[in-house]
Amino acid sequence: MLETILLTGFGPFGGHARNVSEEAARRLDGVEVEGFALRALCLPVQFERAVAALEEAIEAERPLAVISLGIHDDAGYRVELSAKNERHYALPDVDGHLVQDAPVEQGAPAMVFSSLPVAAIKQAFEQAGLPVELSEDAGRYLCNAVCYWAARRVTPAGFVHVPAAARLEEVVLAARLAAEVTARRLIAQRVEATTV
């Protein structure tokens, strides 16, 4: 049985009747990359239920990496470098809650850093012709919260913002590239560990 990399996307929310991050993750469910199986998980845009779903999937799948996807309204892709221990929503979640000035986790560090190979993912996107930048601000909504929560439990883990208006095929390509780069990094780390 292949070891897994978990891909997460979000369901619809706010004015978005569909969410291409969820659709892309589902499209890649079961696909093999570099000897790893991709597993998809759709998260609700509601913190407690999203975390519960993530916790259950991590327990069941024991993924070696978590790559989370979410949409934003910009035209390019953003590979997030960090997440903050803050939840301060600009719009309500799908349950109608407008969370203000709350932490992701009580008593936890103010910030965590992505442990994905962010520079290599950016380079892969560029080589594929995708507009991309490294980002130091994942916002304070569910994208940031999920990134923060996952990064404290799985290494590597991180977040990629994708354009809400992007074609599904393009987002699938981006997600696959991120997974391939991450898988190659995992393999390289194993090789290094056995040669020390």
N, C-alpha and C. Protein backbone atom coordinates (compact mmCIF):
# COMPACT_ATOMS: atom_id res chain seq x y z
N MET A 1 0.85 -1.20 0.00
CA MET A 1 0.00 0.00 0.00
C MET A 1 0.89 1.25 0.00
N LEU A 2 0.56 2.18 -0.86
CA LEU A 2 1.38 3.38 -1.00
C LEU A 2 1.19 4.33 0.17
N GLU A 3 2.27 5.00 0.54
CA GLU A 3 2.16 6.08 1.52
C GLU A 3 1.45 7.25 0.84
N THR A 4 0.86 8.11 1.66
CA THR A 4 -0.04 9.13 1.10
C THR A 4 0.43 10.55 1.34
N ILE A 5 -0.01 11.41 0.42
CA ILE A 5 0.07 12.86 0.57
C ILE A 5 -1.38 13.35 0.55
N LEU A 6 -1.75 14.10 1.55
CA LEU A 6 -3.13 14.58 1.67
C LEU A 6 -3.27 15.94 0.99
N LEU A 7 -4.24 16.03 0.09
CA LEU A 7 -4.58 17.29 -0.57
C LEU A 7 -5.92 17.76 -0.02
N THR A 8 -5.98 18.97 0.50
CA THR A 8 -7.26 19.48 0.98
C THR A 8 -7.70 20.68 0.14
N GLY A 9 -9.00 20.81 -0.02
CA GLY A 9 -9.61 21.97 -0.66
C GLY A 9 -10.83 22.35 0.15
N PHE A 10 -11.38 23.52 -0.12
CA PHE A 10 -12.56 23.99 0.60
C PHE A 10 -13.80 23.90 -0.27
N GLY A 11 -14.95 23.77 0.40
CA GLY A 11 -16.23 23.80 -0.28
C GLY A 11 -16.65 25.23 -0.58
N PRO A 12 -17.81 25.38 -1.21
CA PRO A 12 -18.33 26.72 -1.52
C PRO A 12 -18.56 27.55 -0.26
N PHE A 13 -18.48 28.86 -0.42
CA PHE A 13 -18.73 29.77 0.71
C PHE A 13 -18.99 31.16 0.15
N GLY A 14 -19.61 32.00 0.97
CA GLY A 14 -19.84 33.39 0.60
C GLY A 14 -20.49 33.50 -0.76
N GLY A 15 -19.91 34.32 -1.63
CA GLY A 15 -20.45 34.49 -2.98
C GLY A 15 -19.94 33.47 -3.98
N HIS A 16 -19.20 32.46 -3.52
CA HIS A 16 -18.64 31.45 -4.41
C HIS A 16 -19.52 30.21 -4.41
N ALA A 17 -20.29 30.04 -5.48
CA ALA A 17 -21.18 28.89 -5.59
C ALA A 17 -20.41 27.59 -5.81
N ARG A 18 -19.19 27.71 -6.31
CA ARG A 18 -18.31 26.55 -6.47
C ARG A 18 -16.92 26.95 -5.98
N ASN A 19 -16.14 25.95 -5.65
CA ASN A 19 -14.79 26.22 -5.15
C ASN A 19 -13.83 25.31 -5.90
N VAL A 20 -13.02 25.92 -6.75
CA VAL A 20 -12.13 25.15 -7.62
C VAL A 20 -11.05 24.43 -6.81
N SER A 21 -10.76 24.87 -5.59
CA SER A 21 -9.77 24.17 -4.77
C SER A 21 -10.27 22.77 -4.40
N GLU A 22 -11.56 22.67 -4.03
CA GLU A 22 -12.16 21.37 -3.74
C GLU A 22 -12.19 20.50 -4.99
N GLU A 23 -12.61 21.08 -6.10
CA GLU A 23 -12.75 20.31 -7.33
C GLU A 23 -11.40 19.76 -7.80
N ALA A 24 -10.35 20.56 -7.67
CA ALA A 24 -9.02 20.11 -8.08
C ALA A 24 -8.52 18.98 -7.18
N ALA A 25 -8.71 19.13 -5.88
CA ALA A 25 -8.27 18.07 -4.96
C ALA A 25 -9.00 16.76 -5.28
N ARG A 26 -10.31 16.85 -5.48
CA ARG A 26 -11.08 15.63 -5.79
C ARG A 26 -10.63 14.99 -7.10
N ARG A 27 -10.28 15.80 -8.08
CA ARG A 27 -9.84 15.29 -9.37
C ARG A 27 -8.56 14.44 -9.21
N LEU A 28 -7.75 14.78 -8.21
CA LEU A 28 -6.48 14.08 -8.03
C LEU A 28 -6.55 12.95 -7.01
N ASP A 29 -7.71 12.72 -6.42
CA ASP A 29 -7.85 11.67 -5.42
C ASP A 29 -7.50 10.31 -6.02
N GLY A 30 -6.56 9.62 -5.40
CA GLY A 30 -6.16 8.30 -5.86
C GLY A 30 -5.05 8.29 -6.90
N VAL A 31 -4.66 9.46 -7.39
CA VAL A 31 -3.59 9.54 -8.38
C VAL A 31 -2.26 9.25 -7.70
N GLU A 32 -1.38 8.53 -8.40
CA GLU A 32 -0.05 8.23 -7.87
C GLU A 32 0.96 9.22 -8.44
N VAL A 33 1.76 9.81 -7.57
CA VAL A 33 2.85 10.69 -8.00
C VAL A 33 4.12 10.30 -7.27
N GLU A 34 5.16 10.03 -8.03
CA GLU A 34 6.49 9.74 -7.47
C GLU A 34 6.43 8.65 -6.40
N GLY A 35 5.51 7.68 -6.56
CA GLY A 35 5.42 6.58 -5.62
C GLY A 35 4.56 6.83 -4.40
N PHE A 36 3.85 7.96 -4.39
CA PHE A 36 2.92 8.27 -3.30
C PHE A 36 1.50 8.35 -3.86
N ALA A 37 0.53 8.00 -3.04
CA ALA A 37 -0.88 8.13 -3.44
C ALA A 37 -1.42 9.45 -2.91
N LEU A 38 -2.11 10.20 -3.78
CA LEU A 38 -2.76 11.43 -3.34
C LEU A 38 -4.14 11.10 -2.80
N ARG A 39 -4.48 11.69 -1.69
CA ARG A 39 -5.80 11.53 -1.09
C ARG A 39 -6.42 12.91 -0.94
N ALA A 40 -7.68 13.04 -1.33
CA ALA A 40 -8.37 14.33 -1.31
C ALA A 40 -9.29 14.43 -0.10
N LEU A 41 -9.38 15.63 0.43
CA LEU A 41 -10.28 15.91 1.54
C LEU A 41 -10.91 17.27 1.31
N CYS A 42 -12.24 17.32 1.29
CA CYS A 42 -12.95 18.60 1.18
C CYS A 42 -13.28 19.10 2.58
N LEU A 43 -12.86 20.33 2.85
CA LEU A 43 -13.10 20.92 4.16
C LEU A 43 -14.23 21.94 4.09
N PRO A 44 -15.12 21.94 5.07
CA PRO A 44 -16.13 23.00 5.13
C PRO A 44 -15.49 24.31 5.56
N VAL A 45 -16.04 25.40 5.12
CA VAL A 45 -15.51 26.72 5.50
C VAL A 45 -16.10 27.09 6.86
N GLN A 46 -15.69 26.28 7.85
CA GLN A 46 -16.09 26.46 9.24
C GLN A 46 -15.01 25.80 10.08
N PHE A 47 -14.42 26.55 10.99
CA PHE A 47 -13.17 26.12 11.63
C PHE A 47 -13.28 24.80 12.37
N GLU A 48 -14.21 24.68 13.29
CA GLU A 48 -14.26 23.47 14.12
C GLU A 48 -14.51 22.21 13.28
N ARG A 49 -15.40 22.31 12.32
CA ARG A 49 -15.69 21.14 11.49
C ARG A 49 -14.54 20.83 10.53
N ALA A 50 -13.86 21.89 10.05
CA ALA A 50 -12.71 21.67 9.18
C ALA A 50 -11.59 20.96 9.94
N VAL A 51 -11.32 21.41 11.15
CA VAL A 51 -10.27 20.80 11.97
C VAL A 51 -10.62 19.36 12.33
N ALA A 52 -11.89 19.11 12.64
CA ALA A 52 -12.31 17.75 12.96
C ALA A 52 -12.11 16.82 11.75
N ALA A 53 -12.45 17.30 10.57
CA ALA A 53 -12.27 16.49 9.36
C ALA A 53 -10.79 16.24 9.09
N LEU A 54 -9.97 17.26 9.28
CA LEU A 54 -8.52 17.11 9.09
C LEU A 54 -7.95 16.12 10.09
N GLU A 55 -8.35 16.24 11.33
CA GLU A 55 -7.84 15.35 12.37
C GLU A 55 -8.20 13.90 12.05
N GLU A 56 -9.43 13.68 11.61
CA GLU A 56 -9.87 12.33 11.27
C GLU A 56 -9.08 11.78 10.08
N ALA A 57 -8.86 12.62 9.07
CA ALA A 57 -8.12 12.17 7.88
C ALA A 57 -6.66 11.88 8.22
N ILE A 58 -6.04 12.70 9.05
CA ILE A 58 -4.65 12.47 9.43
C ILE A 58 -4.53 11.18 10.23
N GLU A 59 -5.48 10.94 11.10
CA GLU A 59 -5.47 9.70 11.88
C GLU A 59 -5.65 8.48 10.98
N ALA A 60 -6.55 8.58 10.01
CA ALA A 60 -6.84 7.43 9.14
C ALA A 60 -5.76 7.20 8.09
N GLU A 61 -5.28 8.27 7.48
CA GLU A 61 -4.36 8.14 6.35
C GLU A 61 -2.89 8.17 6.74
N ARG A 62 -2.58 8.77 7.88
CA ARG A 62 -1.18 8.95 8.28
C ARG A 62 -0.35 9.54 7.14
N PRO A 63 -0.80 10.67 6.57
CA PRO A 63 -0.10 11.22 5.40
C PRO A 63 1.30 11.68 5.77
N LEU A 64 2.21 11.58 4.81
CA LEU A 64 3.57 12.07 5.02
C LEU A 64 3.67 13.56 4.76
N ALA A 65 2.65 14.14 4.13
CA ALA A 65 2.62 15.58 3.87
C ALA A 65 1.17 16.01 3.71
N VAL A 66 0.91 17.27 4.00
CA VAL A 66 -0.42 17.86 3.78
C VAL A 66 -0.23 19.12 2.95
N ILE A 67 -0.90 19.15 1.80
CA ILE A 67 -0.90 20.33 0.93
C ILE A 67 -2.33 20.84 0.88
N SER A 68 -2.55 22.02 1.43
CA SER A 68 -3.89 22.58 1.46
C SER A 68 -4.05 23.64 0.38
N LEU A 69 -5.21 23.66 -0.23
CA LEU A 69 -5.54 24.61 -1.29
C LEU A 69 -6.75 25.43 -0.87
N GLY A 70 -6.77 26.67 -1.30
CA GLY A 70 -7.92 27.53 -1.08
C GLY A 70 -7.92 28.62 -2.13
N ILE A 71 -9.06 29.25 -2.31
CA ILE A 71 -9.17 30.26 -3.36
C ILE A 71 -8.95 31.67 -2.81
N HIS A 72 -8.55 32.55 -3.72
CA HIS A 72 -8.52 33.98 -3.44
C HIS A 72 -8.89 34.70 -4.74
N ASP A 73 -9.13 35.98 -4.64
CA ASP A 73 -9.67 36.71 -5.78
C ASP A 73 -8.61 37.31 -6.68
N ASP A 74 -7.33 37.10 -6.37
CA ASP A 74 -6.27 37.61 -7.24
C ASP A 74 -6.12 36.70 -8.47
N ALA A 75 -5.32 37.16 -9.43
CA ALA A 75 -5.19 36.42 -10.69
C ALA A 75 -4.12 35.34 -10.64
N GLY A 76 -3.19 35.42 -9.69
CA GLY A 76 -2.08 34.48 -9.66
C GLY A 76 -2.17 33.50 -8.50
N TYR A 77 -1.19 32.61 -8.47
CA TYR A 77 -1.07 31.63 -7.40
C TYR A 77 -0.17 32.19 -6.31
N ARG A 78 -0.48 31.85 -5.06
CA ARG A 78 0.33 32.30 -3.93
C ARG A 78 0.73 31.10 -3.08
N VAL A 79 2.01 30.86 -3.01
CA VAL A 79 2.54 29.81 -2.14
C VAL A 79 2.83 30.47 -0.80
N GLU A 80 2.07 30.08 0.20
CA GLU A 80 2.17 30.76 1.50
C GLU A 80 3.40 30.29 2.26
N LEU A 81 4.10 31.26 2.85
CA LEU A 81 5.31 30.97 3.62
C LEU A 81 5.03 30.72 5.09
N SER A 82 3.90 31.22 5.59
CA SER A 82 3.64 31.13 7.02
C SER A 82 2.14 31.28 7.29
N ALA A 83 1.79 31.01 8.53
CA ALA A 83 0.41 31.23 8.98
C ALA A 83 0.46 31.79 10.40
N LYS A 84 -0.50 32.62 10.73
CA LYS A 84 -0.53 33.27 12.04
C LYS A 84 -1.59 32.63 12.93
N ASN A 85 -1.33 32.69 14.22
CA ASN A 85 -2.26 32.15 15.20
C ASN A 85 -3.38 33.15 15.47
N GLU A 86 -4.09 33.49 14.41
CA GLU A 86 -5.16 34.49 14.49
C GLU A 86 -6.33 34.08 13.60
N ARG A 87 -7.52 34.31 14.11
CA ARG A 87 -8.73 34.18 13.29
C ARG A 87 -9.50 35.49 13.43
N HIS A 88 -9.62 36.19 12.31
CA HIS A 88 -10.31 37.47 12.29
C HIS A 88 -10.97 37.58 10.92
N TYR A 89 -12.21 37.13 10.85
CA TYR A 89 -12.88 36.94 9.56
C TYR A 89 -13.42 38.25 8.99
N ALA A 90 -13.19 38.44 7.70
CA ALA A 90 -13.76 39.59 6.99
C ALA A 90 -15.19 39.29 6.55
N LEU A 91 -15.55 38.01 6.47
CA LEU A 91 -16.92 37.62 6.14
C LEU A 91 -17.27 36.39 6.95
N PRO A 92 -18.55 36.14 7.19
CA PRO A 92 -18.95 34.99 8.01
C PRO A 92 -18.56 33.67 7.36
N ASP A 93 -18.39 32.64 8.20
CA ASP A 93 -18.17 31.29 7.68
C ASP A 93 -19.52 30.73 7.20
N VAL A 94 -19.53 29.48 6.76
CA VAL A 94 -20.76 28.93 6.18
C VAL A 94 -21.86 28.72 7.22
N ASP A 95 -21.52 28.78 8.50
CA ASP A 95 -22.53 28.70 9.55
C ASP A 95 -23.00 30.07 10.00
N GLY A 96 -22.49 31.12 9.34
CA GLY A 96 -22.90 32.47 9.68
C GLY A 96 -22.14 33.12 10.80
N HIS A 97 -21.05 32.48 11.25
CA HIS A 97 -20.28 33.03 12.36
C HIS A 97 -19.20 33.99 11.84
N LEU A 98 -19.12 35.14 12.44
CA LEU A 98 -18.10 36.13 12.10
C LEU A 98 -17.12 36.19 13.26
N VAL A 99 -16.08 35.40 13.19
CA VAL A 99 -15.11 35.30 14.28
C VAL A 99 -14.18 36.51 14.25
N GLN A 100 -13.97 37.10 15.42
CA GLN A 100 -13.12 38.28 15.53
C GLN A 100 -12.11 38.08 16.66
N ASP A 101 -10.86 38.41 16.39
CA ASP A 101 -9.81 38.43 17.42
C ASP A 101 -9.74 37.15 18.24
N ALA A 102 -9.74 36.02 17.56
CA ALA A 102 -9.62 34.72 18.23
C ALA A 102 -8.36 34.01 17.73
N PRO A 103 -7.74 33.19 18.58
CA PRO A 103 -6.59 32.43 18.11
C PRO A 103 -7.03 31.18 17.35
N VAL A 104 -6.11 30.61 16.60
CA VAL A 104 -6.34 29.29 16.03
C VAL A 104 -6.22 28.26 17.15
N GLU A 105 -5.18 28.42 17.97
CA GLU A 105 -4.97 27.54 19.12
C GLU A 105 -4.52 28.36 20.32
N GLN A 106 -5.18 28.15 21.45
CA GLN A 106 -4.81 28.85 22.68
C GLN A 106 -3.41 28.45 23.12
N GLY A 107 -2.62 29.45 23.53
CA GLY A 107 -1.32 29.17 24.09
C GLY A 107 -0.28 28.68 23.12
N ALA A 108 -0.54 28.79 21.83
CA ALA A 108 0.38 28.29 20.81
C ALA A 108 1.19 29.46 20.25
N PRO A 109 2.26 29.17 19.50
CA PRO A 109 3.10 30.25 18.95
C PRO A 109 2.31 31.21 18.06
N ALA A 110 2.80 32.44 17.96
CA ALA A 110 2.13 33.47 17.18
C ALA A 110 2.14 33.17 15.69
N MET A 111 3.14 32.39 15.25
CA MET A 111 3.28 32.11 13.82
C MET A 111 3.93 30.76 13.63
N VAL A 112 3.57 30.09 12.53
CA VAL A 112 4.29 28.88 12.11
C VAL A 112 4.67 29.06 10.64
N PHE A 113 5.70 28.38 10.24
CA PHE A 113 6.17 28.47 8.86
C PHE A 113 5.80 27.22 8.08
N SER A 114 5.53 27.41 6.81
CA SER A 114 5.29 26.27 5.93
C SER A 114 6.54 25.40 5.91
N SER A 115 6.34 24.09 5.92
CA SER A 115 7.47 23.17 5.80
C SER A 115 7.47 22.49 4.43
N LEU A 116 6.60 22.96 3.52
CA LEU A 116 6.66 22.51 2.15
C LEU A 116 7.91 23.10 1.47
N PRO A 117 8.38 22.48 0.40
CA PRO A 117 9.49 23.06 -0.36
C PRO A 117 9.00 24.23 -1.22
N VAL A 118 8.76 25.36 -0.56
CA VAL A 118 8.04 26.47 -1.19
C VAL A 118 8.77 27.04 -2.41
N ALA A 119 10.09 27.18 -2.31
CA ALA A 119 10.84 27.75 -3.44
C ALA A 119 10.78 26.82 -4.65
N ALA A 120 10.89 25.51 -4.40
CA ALA A 120 10.83 24.54 -5.49
C ALA A 120 9.43 24.48 -6.11
N ILE A 121 8.39 24.63 -5.29
CA ILE A 121 7.02 24.66 -5.81
C ILE A 121 6.85 25.89 -6.69
N LYS A 122 7.31 27.03 -6.21
CA LYS A 122 7.23 28.26 -7.01
C LYS A 122 7.94 28.08 -8.35
N GLN A 123 9.11 27.50 -8.32
CA GLN A 123 9.87 27.29 -9.56
C GLN A 123 9.13 26.36 -10.52
N ALA A 124 8.51 25.31 -9.99
CA ALA A 124 7.74 24.38 -10.83
C ALA A 124 6.55 25.08 -11.48
N PHE A 125 5.88 25.94 -10.72
CA PHE A 125 4.77 26.71 -11.26
C PHE A 125 5.25 27.63 -12.38
N GLU A 126 6.36 28.30 -12.13
CA GLU A 126 6.91 29.21 -13.15
C GLU A 126 7.26 28.47 -14.43
N GLN A 127 7.88 27.30 -14.28
CA GLN A 127 8.26 26.52 -15.45
C GLN A 127 7.04 26.04 -16.23
N ALA A 128 5.91 25.90 -15.55
CA ALA A 128 4.67 25.49 -16.21
C ALA A 128 3.89 26.69 -16.75
N GLY A 129 4.44 27.90 -16.57
CA GLY A 129 3.78 29.09 -17.08
C GLY A 129 2.68 29.64 -16.19
N LEU A 130 2.66 29.23 -14.93
CA LEU A 130 1.63 29.71 -14.00
C LEU A 130 2.13 30.96 -13.28
N PRO A 131 1.32 32.02 -13.21
CA PRO A 131 1.73 33.21 -12.46
C PRO A 131 1.74 32.89 -10.97
N VAL A 132 2.87 33.13 -10.31
CA VAL A 132 3.00 32.69 -8.92
C VAL A 132 3.91 33.63 -8.15
N GLU A 133 3.63 33.73 -6.85
CA GLU A 133 4.51 34.47 -5.96
C GLU A 133 4.54 33.79 -4.60
N LEU A 134 5.60 34.02 -3.87
CA LEU A 134 5.65 33.60 -2.47
C LEU A 134 4.95 34.68 -1.65
N SER A 135 4.14 34.25 -0.70
CA SER A 135 3.32 35.18 0.07
C SER A 135 3.61 35.05 1.56
N GLU A 136 3.67 36.19 2.23
CA GLU A 136 3.89 36.20 3.67
C GLU A 136 2.61 36.45 4.46
N ASP A 137 1.47 36.47 3.79
CA ASP A 137 0.21 36.76 4.49
C ASP A 137 -0.90 35.87 3.95
N ALA A 138 -1.25 34.84 4.71
CA ALA A 138 -2.31 33.91 4.32
C ALA A 138 -3.69 34.40 4.74
N GLY A 139 -3.77 35.65 5.21
CA GLY A 139 -5.05 36.20 5.65
C GLY A 139 -5.34 35.79 7.09
N ARG A 140 -6.58 35.95 7.50
CA ARG A 140 -6.98 35.54 8.85
C ARG A 140 -8.25 34.70 8.80
N TYR A 141 -8.55 34.16 7.64
CA TYR A 141 -9.79 33.39 7.47
C TYR A 141 -9.45 31.90 7.59
N LEU A 142 -10.24 31.05 7.00
CA LEU A 142 -10.07 29.61 7.15
C LEU A 142 -8.78 29.10 6.52
N CYS A 143 -8.33 29.73 5.43
CA CYS A 143 -7.10 29.29 4.78
C CYS A 143 -5.94 29.37 5.76
N ASN A 144 -5.79 30.50 6.40
CA ASN A 144 -4.74 30.70 7.39
C ASN A 144 -4.89 29.72 8.55
N ALA A 145 -6.11 29.56 9.04
CA ALA A 145 -6.34 28.71 10.21
C ALA A 145 -5.99 27.25 9.92
N VAL A 146 -6.40 26.76 8.76
CA VAL A 146 -6.09 25.37 8.39
C VAL A 146 -4.59 25.19 8.18
N CYS A 147 -3.96 26.15 7.55
CA CYS A 147 -2.51 26.09 7.36
C CYS A 147 -1.81 26.02 8.71
N TYR A 148 -2.19 26.88 9.63
CA TYR A 148 -1.58 26.91 10.95
C TYR A 148 -1.78 25.57 11.66
N TRP A 149 -3.01 25.10 11.68
CA TRP A 149 -3.34 23.87 12.42
C TRP A 149 -2.60 22.68 11.85
N ALA A 150 -2.58 22.52 10.54
CA ALA A 150 -1.92 21.37 9.91
C ALA A 150 -0.41 21.43 10.09
N ALA A 151 0.16 22.63 9.99
CA ALA A 151 1.61 22.76 10.07
C ALA A 151 2.15 22.39 11.46
N ARG A 152 1.30 22.43 12.47
CA ARG A 152 1.72 22.03 13.82
C ARG A 152 1.58 20.54 14.05
N ARG A 153 1.07 19.80 13.06
CA ARG A 153 0.82 18.38 13.25
C ARG A 153 1.48 17.46 12.23
N VAL A 154 1.74 17.99 11.05
CA VAL A 154 2.36 17.18 9.99
C VAL A 154 3.50 17.98 9.37
N THR A 155 4.60 17.31 9.11
CA THR A 155 5.73 17.93 8.41
C THR A 155 6.13 17.03 7.25
N PRO A 156 6.11 17.56 6.02
CA PRO A 156 5.81 18.94 5.65
C PRO A 156 4.31 19.20 5.49
N ALA A 157 3.95 20.45 5.70
CA ALA A 157 2.58 20.91 5.47
C ALA A 157 2.63 22.38 5.10
N GLY A 158 1.67 22.80 4.29
CA GLY A 158 1.61 24.20 3.90
C GLY A 158 0.40 24.47 3.04
N PHE A 159 0.36 25.68 2.47
CA PHE A 159 -0.86 26.15 1.82
C PHE A 159 -0.54 26.85 0.50
N VAL A 160 -1.39 26.61 -0.48
CA VAL A 160 -1.30 27.30 -1.77
C VAL A 160 -2.65 27.95 -2.07
N HIS A 161 -2.64 29.27 -2.24
CA HIS A 161 -3.85 29.97 -2.69
C HIS A 161 -3.92 29.90 -4.22
N VAL A 162 -5.09 29.57 -4.72
CA VAL A 162 -5.29 29.47 -6.17
C VAL A 162 -6.34 30.50 -6.59
N PRO A 163 -6.27 30.99 -7.82
CA PRO A 163 -7.26 31.98 -8.26
C PRO A 163 -8.65 31.38 -8.34
N ALA A 164 -9.62 32.06 -7.76
CA ALA A 164 -10.99 31.55 -7.75
C ALA A 164 -11.54 31.37 -9.17
N ALA A 165 -11.07 32.21 -10.09
CA ALA A 165 -11.60 32.17 -11.46
C ALA A 165 -10.77 31.30 -12.40
N ALA A 166 -9.76 30.62 -11.87
CA ALA A 166 -8.90 29.81 -12.74
C ALA A 166 -9.66 28.60 -13.29
N ARG A 167 -9.24 28.14 -14.47
CA ARG A 167 -9.81 26.93 -15.05
C ARG A 167 -9.44 25.73 -14.16
N LEU A 168 -10.36 24.80 -14.04
CA LEU A 168 -10.13 23.63 -13.19
C LEU A 168 -8.86 22.89 -13.62
N GLU A 169 -8.67 22.72 -14.93
CA GLU A 169 -7.50 21.98 -15.41
C GLU A 169 -6.19 22.64 -14.96
N GLU A 170 -6.18 23.96 -14.91
CA GLU A 170 -4.98 24.66 -14.48
C GLU A 170 -4.72 24.45 -12.99
N VAL A 171 -5.77 24.49 -12.19
CA VAL A 171 -5.61 24.29 -10.75
C VAL A 171 -5.21 22.84 -10.46
N VAL A 172 -5.76 21.90 -11.21
CA VAL A 172 -5.34 20.50 -11.08
C VAL A 172 -3.85 20.37 -11.37
N LEU A 173 -3.38 21.03 -12.42
CA LEU A 173 -1.96 21.02 -12.74
C LEU A 173 -1.14 21.60 -11.59
N ALA A 174 -1.57 22.73 -11.06
CA ALA A 174 -0.83 23.36 -9.96
C ALA A 174 -0.77 22.43 -8.75
N ALA A 175 -1.89 21.83 -8.40
CA ALA A 175 -1.92 20.93 -7.24
C ALA A 175 -1.03 19.72 -7.46
N ARG A 176 -1.06 19.19 -8.68
CA ARG A 176 -0.22 18.03 -8.99
C ARG A 176 1.26 18.41 -8.93
N LEU A 177 1.61 19.56 -9.46
CA LEU A 177 3.00 20.00 -9.40
C LEU A 177 3.47 20.15 -7.95
N ALA A 178 2.63 20.77 -7.12
CA ALA A 178 2.99 20.92 -5.71
C ALA A 178 3.20 19.57 -5.05
N ALA A 179 2.35 18.60 -5.38
CA ALA A 179 2.47 17.26 -4.82
C ALA A 179 3.73 16.56 -5.32
N GLU A 180 4.02 16.70 -6.61
CA GLU A 180 5.21 16.06 -7.18
C GLU A 180 6.49 16.61 -6.55
N VAL A 181 6.56 17.92 -6.43
CA VAL A 181 7.74 18.55 -5.83
C VAL A 181 7.90 18.11 -4.37
N THR A 182 6.79 18.07 -3.65
CA THR A 182 6.83 17.65 -2.24
C THR A 182 7.25 16.19 -2.13
N ALA A 183 6.72 15.34 -3.01
CA ALA A 183 7.09 13.93 -2.99
C ALA A 183 8.57 13.75 -3.26
N ARG A 184 9.09 14.49 -4.23
CA ARG A 184 10.53 14.38 -4.52
C ARG A 184 11.38 14.82 -3.33
N ARG A 185 10.91 15.84 -2.61
CA ARG A 185 11.63 16.29 -1.42
C ARG A 185 11.61 15.20 -0.33
N LEU A 186 10.47 14.55 -0.16
CA LEU A 186 10.38 13.46 0.82
C LEU A 186 11.36 12.34 0.46
N ILE A 187 11.43 11.99 -0.82
CA ILE A 187 12.34 10.94 -1.27
C ILE A 187 13.79 11.36 -1.03
N ALA A 188 14.12 12.60 -1.35
CA ALA A 188 15.48 13.09 -1.16
C ALA A 188 15.87 13.06 0.32
N GLN A 189 14.94 13.39 1.20
CA GLN A 189 15.24 13.37 2.63
C GLN A 189 15.52 11.96 3.11
N ARG A 190 14.81 10.99 2.54
CA ARG A 190 15.05 9.60 2.91
C ARG A 190 16.44 9.15 2.45
N VAL A 191 16.78 9.54 1.25
CA VAL A 191 18.10 9.20 0.72
C VAL A 191 19.19 9.80 1.59
N GLU A 192 19.01 11.07 1.94
CA GLU A 192 20.00 11.73 2.81
C GLU A 192 20.12 11.04 4.16
N ALA A 193 18.98 10.62 4.69
CA ALA A 193 18.98 9.97 6.01
C ALA A 193 19.72 8.63 5.99
N THR A 194 19.67 7.93 4.86
CA THR A 194 20.31 6.63 4.78
C THR A 194 21.79 6.71 4.42
N THR A 195 22.24 7.91 4.00
CA THR A 195 23.65 8.05 3.61
C THR A 195 24.48 8.79 4.66
N VAL A 196 23.84 9.20 5.74
CA VAL A 196 24.58 9.91 6.79
C VAL A 196 25.32 8.92 7.66
